[in-house]
Amino acid sequence: MTNEELRARIAELESQLQSSRTKRLTLRVSAKGGLSVYGLGRFPVSLYTSQWERLISFVPDIQAFLNEHKAEFATKPAVGAQVEAEPA
């Protein structure tokens, strides 16, 4: 491969790596028959259908709780965002 081809390949791989860091959510049926949601963290969130139904019906309560306690929650910086160091 020429240097130009190698540089083009490196640029392609870097763009693939960047896009893989900003994961979208995906769904799969687990080996045990549950629904697994991938892309929230390191491991999937897997629940059975009845558990998902209970959780979905509880969403308004979760949203209300999140709004009431917003100031208490830690936030995770977006992927690729630079974190500023706090002054010593």
C-alpha atoms as a PDB file:
ATOM      1  CA  MET A   1       0.000   0.000   0.000  1.00  0.00           C
ATOM      2  CA  THR A   2       1.141   3.524  -0.678  1.00  0.00           C
ATOM      3  CA  ASN A   3       1.380   6.192   1.990  1.00  0.00           C
ATOM      4  CA  GLU A   4      -1.733   7.876   0.599  1.00  0.00           C
ATOM      5  CA  GLU A   5      -3.695   4.628   0.782  1.00  0.00           C
ATOM      6  CA  LEU A   6      -2.507   4.029   4.331  1.00  0.00           C
ATOM      7  CA  ARG A   7      -3.504   7.545   5.386  1.00  0.00           C
ATOM      8  CA  ALA A   8      -6.928   7.099   3.801  1.00  0.00           C
ATOM      9  CA  ARG A   9      -7.360   3.766   5.624  1.00  0.00           C
ATOM     10  CA  ILE A  10      -6.295   5.329   8.938  1.00  0.00           C
ATOM     11  CA  ALA A  11      -8.797   8.159   8.469  1.00  0.00           C
ATOM     12  CA  GLU A  12     -11.533   5.610   7.705  1.00  0.00           C
ATOM     13  CA  LEU A  13     -10.718   3.554  10.801  1.00  0.00           C
ATOM     14  CA  GLU A  14     -10.609   6.665  12.999  1.00  0.00           C
ATOM     15  CA  SER A  15     -14.061   7.718  11.810  1.00  0.00           C
ATOM     16  CA  GLN A  16     -15.390   4.206  12.505  1.00  0.00           C
ATOM     17  CA  LEU A  17     -13.882   4.327  15.989  1.00  0.00           C
ATOM     18  CA  GLN A  18     -15.442   7.719  16.685  1.00  0.00           C
ATOM     19  CA  SER A  19     -18.868   6.568  15.522  1.00  0.00           C
ATOM     20  CA  SER A  20     -18.635   3.410  17.636  1.00  0.00           C
ATOM     21  CA  ARG A  21     -18.023   5.560  20.740  1.00  0.00           C
ATOM     22  CA  THR A  22     -21.356   7.295  20.312  1.00  0.00           C
ATOM     23  CA  LYS A  23     -23.413   4.148  20.628  1.00  0.00           C
ATOM     24  CA  ARG A  24     -27.040   4.074  19.835  1.00  0.00           C
ATOM     25  CA  LEU A  25     -29.358   1.798  21.742  1.00  0.00           C
ATOM     26  CA  THR A  26     -30.018  -1.633  20.276  1.00  0.00           C
ATOM     27  CA  LEU A  27     -32.407  -4.405  21.284  1.00  0.00           C
ATOM     28  CA  ARG A  28     -31.936  -8.174  21.261  1.00  0.00           C
ATOM     29  CA  VAL A  29     -33.702 -11.212  22.587  1.00  0.00           C
ATOM     30  CA  SER A  30     -31.410 -12.816  25.170  1.00  0.00           C
ATOM     31  CA  ALA A  31     -30.528 -16.504  25.284  1.00  0.00           C
ATOM     32  CA  LYS A  32     -33.019 -16.933  28.149  1.00  0.00           C
ATOM     33  CA  GLY A  33     -35.838 -15.165  26.297  1.00  0.00           C
ATOM     34  CA  GLY A  34     -35.633 -11.722  27.862  1.00  0.00           C
ATOM     35  CA  LEU A  35     -35.224  -8.353  26.188  1.00  0.00           C
ATOM     36  CA  SER A  36     -31.707  -6.920  26.358  1.00  0.00           C
ATOM     37  CA  VAL A  37     -30.990  -3.232  25.747  1.00  0.00           C
ATOM     38  CA  TYR A  38     -27.430  -2.526  24.638  1.00  0.00           C
ATOM     39  CA  GLY A  39     -25.685   0.838  24.582  1.00  0.00           C
ATOM     40  CA  LEU A  40     -26.519   2.259  28.003  1.00  0.00           C
ATOM     41  CA  GLY A  41     -23.328   1.124  29.665  1.00  0.00           C
ATOM     42  CA  ARG A  42     -20.731  -1.577  29.611  1.00  0.00           C
ATOM     43  CA  PHE A  43     -23.263  -4.367  30.034  1.00  0.00           C
ATOM     44  CA  PRO A  44     -26.758  -4.778  28.600  1.00  0.00           C
ATOM     45  CA  VAL A  45     -29.901  -4.249  30.659  1.00  0.00           C
ATOM     46  CA  SER A  46     -31.860  -7.505  30.402  1.00  0.00           C
ATOM     47  CA  LEU A  47     -35.365  -8.049  31.740  1.00  0.00           C
ATOM     48  CA  TYR A  48     -38.243 -10.383  30.971  1.00  0.00           C
ATOM     49  CA  THR A  49     -41.349  -9.025  29.234  1.00  0.00           C
ATOM     50  CA  SER A  50     -43.377  -8.751  32.458  1.00  0.00           C
ATOM     51  CA  GLN A  51     -40.535  -6.789  34.079  1.00  0.00           C
ATOM     52  CA  TRP A  52     -40.328  -4.385  31.124  1.00  0.00           C
ATOM     53  CA  GLU A  53     -44.089  -3.875  31.277  1.00  0.00           C
ATOM     54  CA  ARG A  54     -43.916  -3.004  34.990  1.00  0.00           C
ATOM     55  CA  LEU A  55     -41.003  -0.640  34.393  1.00  0.00           C
ATOM     56  CA  ILE A  56     -42.712   1.063  31.438  1.00  0.00           C
ATOM     57  CA  SER A  57     -45.869   1.660  33.477  1.00  0.00           C
ATOM     58  CA  PHE A  58     -43.668   3.239  36.170  1.00  0.00           C
ATOM     59  CA  VAL A  59     -42.016   5.734  33.768  1.00  0.00           C
ATOM     60  CA  PRO A  60     -44.129   8.761  34.836  1.00  0.00           C
ATOM     61  CA  ASP A  61     -43.062   8.190  38.460  1.00  0.00           C
ATOM     62  CA  ILE A  62     -39.419   7.871  37.405  1.00  0.00           C
ATOM     63  CA  GLN A  63     -39.626  11.114  35.420  1.00  0.00           C
ATOM     64  CA  ALA A  64     -41.229  12.939  38.338  1.00  0.00           C
ATOM     65  CA  PHE A  65     -38.563  11.630  40.713  1.00  0.00           C
ATOM     66  CA  LEU A  66     -35.787  12.682  38.309  1.00  0.00           C
ATOM     67  CA  ASN A  67     -37.239  16.194  38.089  1.00  0.00           C
ATOM     68  CA  GLU A  68     -37.665  16.522  41.861  1.00  0.00           C
ATOM     69  CA  HIS A  69     -34.112  15.386  42.625  1.00  0.00           C
ATOM     70  CA  LYS A  70     -32.303  16.803  39.590  1.00  0.00           C
ATOM     71  CA  ALA A  71     -29.747  18.717  41.654  1.00  0.00           C
ATOM     72  CA  GLU A  72     -28.726  15.598  43.580  1.00  0.00           C
ATOM     73  CA  PHE A  73     -27.732  13.479  40.572  1.00  0.00           C
ATOM     74  CA  ALA A  74     -24.250  13.176  39.158  1.00  0.00           C
ATOM     75  CA  THR A  75     -23.935  13.608  35.425  1.00  0.00           C
ATOM     76  CA  LYS A  76     -21.664  11.746  33.092  1.00  0.00           C
ATOM     77  CA  PRO A  77     -19.910  13.920  30.500  1.00  0.00           C
ATOM     78  CA  ALA A  78     -20.762  13.227  26.869  1.00  0.00           C
ATOM     79  CA  VAL A  79     -18.362  10.988  24.970  1.00  0.00           C
ATOM     80  CA  GLY A  80     -15.587  13.081  23.492  1.00  0.00           C
ATOM     81  CA  ALA A  81     -16.320  16.062  25.735  1.00  0.00           C
ATOM     82  CA  GLN A  82     -13.323  17.594  27.399  1.00  0.00           C
ATOM     83  CA  VAL A  83     -13.448  17.813  31.165  1.00  0.00           C
ATOM     84  CA  GLU A  84     -11.955  20.946  32.677  1.00  0.00           C
ATOM     85  CA  ALA A  85      -9.697  20.477  35.674  1.00  0.00           C
ATOM     86  CA  GLU A  86     -10.851  22.126  38.874  1.00  0.00           C
ATOM     87  CA  PRO A  87      -8.496  24.734  40.307  1.00  0.00           C
ATOM     88  CA  ALA A  88      -6.399  23.444  43.192  1.00  0.00           C
END
